[in-house]
C-alpha cells in the first residue's frame, strides 16, 4: 500500500474514532451520577478539585517511596467519596 494511501486511511480511522469517542462522552455526560447530582444540588465540585490539587502537590513534595503516596491518595479517595455520598443523600 502506498504511504499516502496508508496515511489517508489512518487519518480517516482517527477521525471516525474521535467522532465515536465524542458521541460516547456526550452520552455519558448526560447520565446522572453523584458528582452531577451534587452540582445540581448547588454544591460545587470545589472539594473534589481541591483535594486532587492538594494531592498533586503532596505527591510532588512526598518523600520517595510508594507507601507515602498511597496514603495520600487513599485519604483523598476517602474524602472525595464521602463528600459525594453526603451530597447525594441530600
C-alpha atoms as a PDB file:
ATOM      1  CA  UNK A   1       0.000   0.000   0.000  1.00  0.00           C
ATOM      2  CA  UNK A   2       1.497   3.385  -0.896  1.00  0.00           C
ATOM      3  CA  UNK A   3       2.413   5.653   2.008  1.00  0.00           C
ATOM      4  CA  UNK A   4      -0.037   8.401   1.023  1.00  0.00           C
ATOM      5  CA  UNK A   5      -2.947   5.955   0.926  1.00  0.00           C
ATOM      6  CA  UNK A   6      -1.841   4.469   4.225  1.00  0.00           C
ATOM      7  CA  UNK A   7      -1.664   7.937   5.799  1.00  0.00           C
ATOM      8  CA  UNK A   8      -5.109   8.883   4.463  1.00  0.00           C
ATOM      9  CA  UNK A   9      -6.579   5.637   5.787  1.00  0.00           C
ATOM     10  CA  UNK A  10      -5.066   6.263   9.217  1.00  0.00           C
ATOM     11  CA  UNK A  11      -6.431   9.822   9.237  1.00  0.00           C
ATOM     12  CA  UNK A  12      -9.897   8.595   8.309  1.00  0.00           C
ATOM     13  CA  UNK A  13      -9.824   5.941  11.033  1.00  0.00           C
ATOM     14  CA  UNK A  14      -8.603   8.522  13.573  1.00  0.00           C
ATOM     15  CA  UNK A  15     -11.467  10.837  12.626  1.00  0.00           C
ATOM     16  CA  UNK A  16     -14.035   8.053  12.992  1.00  0.00           C
ATOM     17  CA  UNK A  17     -12.638   7.003  16.359  1.00  0.00           C
ATOM     18  CA  UNK A  18     -12.650  10.614  17.571  1.00  0.00           C
ATOM     19  CA  UNK A  19     -16.280  11.059  16.495  1.00  0.00           C
ATOM     20  CA  UNK A  20     -17.312   7.830  18.223  1.00  0.00           C
ATOM     21  CA  UNK A  21     -15.471   8.852  21.390  1.00  0.00           C
ATOM     22  CA  UNK A  22     -17.134  12.285  21.354  1.00  0.00           C
ATOM     23  CA  UNK A  23     -20.552  10.669  20.992  1.00  0.00           C
ATOM     24  CA  UNK A  24     -19.774   8.268  23.846  1.00  0.00           C
ATOM     25  CA  UNK A  25     -18.667  11.112  26.131  1.00  0.00           C
ATOM     26  CA  UNK A  26     -21.770  13.131  25.253  1.00  0.00           C
ATOM     27  CA  UNK A  27     -23.965  10.213  26.255  1.00  0.00           C
ATOM     28  CA  UNK A  28     -22.020   9.646  29.486  1.00  0.00           C
ATOM     29  CA  UNK A  29     -22.207  13.296  30.496  1.00  0.00           C
ATOM     30  CA  UNK A  30     -25.996  13.258  30.286  1.00  0.00           C
ATOM     31  CA  UNK A  31     -26.274  10.271  32.635  1.00  0.00           C
ATOM     32  CA  UNK A  32     -26.959  11.011  36.300  1.00  0.00           C
ATOM     33  CA  UNK A  33     -24.188  10.398  38.788  1.00  0.00           C
ATOM     34  CA  UNK A  34     -23.116  11.521  42.250  1.00  0.00           C
ATOM     35  CA  UNK A  35     -20.997  14.441  41.044  1.00  0.00           C
ATOM     36  CA  UNK A  36     -23.698  15.641  38.661  1.00  0.00           C
ATOM     37  CA  UNK A  37     -26.323  15.348  41.423  1.00  0.00           C
ATOM     38  CA  UNK A  38     -24.175  17.280  43.871  1.00  0.00           C
ATOM     39  CA  UNK A  39     -23.610  20.019  41.308  1.00  0.00           C
ATOM     40  CA  UNK A  40     -27.340  20.200  40.619  1.00  0.00           C
ATOM     41  CA  UNK A  41     -27.995  20.462  44.347  1.00  0.00           C
ATOM     42  CA  UNK A  42     -25.924  23.636  44.494  1.00  0.00           C
ATOM     43  CA  UNK A  43     -22.759  22.107  45.874  1.00  0.00           C
ATOM     44  CA  UNK A  44     -19.783  22.820  43.680  1.00  0.00           C
ATOM     45  CA  UNK A  45     -17.000  20.448  42.803  1.00  0.00           C
ATOM     46  CA  UNK A  46     -14.529  22.598  44.724  1.00  0.00           C
ATOM     47  CA  UNK A  47     -13.933  19.937  47.369  1.00  0.00           C
ATOM     48  CA  UNK A  48     -13.078  17.256  44.821  1.00  0.00           C
ATOM     49  CA  UNK A  49     -10.939  19.557  42.708  1.00  0.00           C
ATOM     50  CA  UNK A  50      -9.250  20.977  45.793  1.00  0.00           C
ATOM     51  CA  UNK A  51      -8.339  17.572  47.164  1.00  0.00           C
ATOM     52  CA  UNK A  52      -6.942  16.496  43.808  1.00  0.00           C
ATOM     53  CA  UNK A  53      -4.850  19.683  43.601  1.00  0.00           C
ATOM     54  CA  UNK A  54      -3.579  19.177  47.152  1.00  0.00           C
ATOM     55  CA  UNK A  55      -2.872  15.548  46.340  1.00  0.00           C
ATOM     56  CA  UNK A  56      -0.777  16.517  43.354  1.00  0.00           C
ATOM     57  CA  UNK A  57       1.171  18.978  45.496  1.00  0.00           C
ATOM     58  CA  UNK A  58       1.599  16.448  48.300  1.00  0.00           C
ATOM     59  CA  UNK A  59       2.764  13.822  45.808  1.00  0.00           C
ATOM     60  CA  UNK A  60       5.380  16.216  44.456  1.00  0.00           C
ATOM     61  CA  UNK A  61       6.610  17.000  47.987  1.00  0.00           C
ATOM     62  CA  UNK A  62       6.321  13.462  49.385  1.00  0.00           C
ATOM     63  CA  UNK A  63       9.431  11.535  50.299  1.00  0.00           C
ATOM     64  CA  UNK A  64      10.441   8.926  47.767  1.00  0.00           C
ATOM     65  CA  UNK A  65       8.509   5.736  48.177  1.00  0.00           C
ATOM     66  CA  UNK A  66       5.204   4.277  47.252  1.00  0.00           C
ATOM     67  CA  UNK A  67       3.821   3.986  50.782  1.00  0.00           C
ATOM     68  CA  UNK A  68       3.531   7.732  51.436  1.00  0.00           C
ATOM     69  CA  UNK A  69       1.930   8.363  48.060  1.00  0.00           C
ATOM     70  CA  UNK A  70      -0.560   5.522  48.585  1.00  0.00           C
ATOM     71  CA  UNK A  71      -1.585   7.003  51.949  1.00  0.00           C
ATOM     72  CA  UNK A  72      -2.011  10.460  50.409  1.00  0.00           C
ATOM     73  CA  UNK A  73      -4.214   9.290  47.548  1.00  0.00           C
ATOM     74  CA  UNK A  74      -6.077   6.824  49.763  1.00  0.00           C
ATOM     75  CA  UNK A  75      -7.052   9.663  52.089  1.00  0.00           C
ATOM     76  CA  UNK A  76      -8.101  11.781  49.118  1.00  0.00           C
ATOM     77  CA  UNK A  77     -10.260   8.960  47.775  1.00  0.00           C
ATOM     78  CA  UNK A  78     -11.986   8.554  51.155  1.00  0.00           C
ATOM     79  CA  UNK A  79     -12.630  12.303  51.437  1.00  0.00           C
ATOM     80  CA  UNK A  80     -13.999  12.576  47.897  1.00  0.00           C
ATOM     81  CA  UNK A  81     -16.227   9.501  48.103  1.00  0.00           C
ATOM     82  CA  UNK A  82     -17.591  10.605  51.479  1.00  0.00           C
ATOM     83  CA  UNK A  83     -18.301  14.081  50.153  1.00  0.00           C
ATOM     84  CA  UNK A  84     -20.056  12.735  47.062  1.00  0.00           C
ATOM     85  CA  UNK A  85     -22.187  10.296  49.083  1.00  0.00           C
ATOM     86  CA  UNK A  86     -23.141  13.043  51.536  1.00  0.00           C
ATOM     87  CA  UNK A  87     -24.095  15.308  48.645  1.00  0.00           C
ATOM     88  CA  UNK A  88     -26.138  12.508  47.088  1.00  0.00           C
ATOM     89  CA  UNK A  89     -28.176  11.877  50.243  1.00  0.00           C
ATOM     90  CA  UNK A  90     -29.422  15.446  50.394  1.00  0.00           C
END
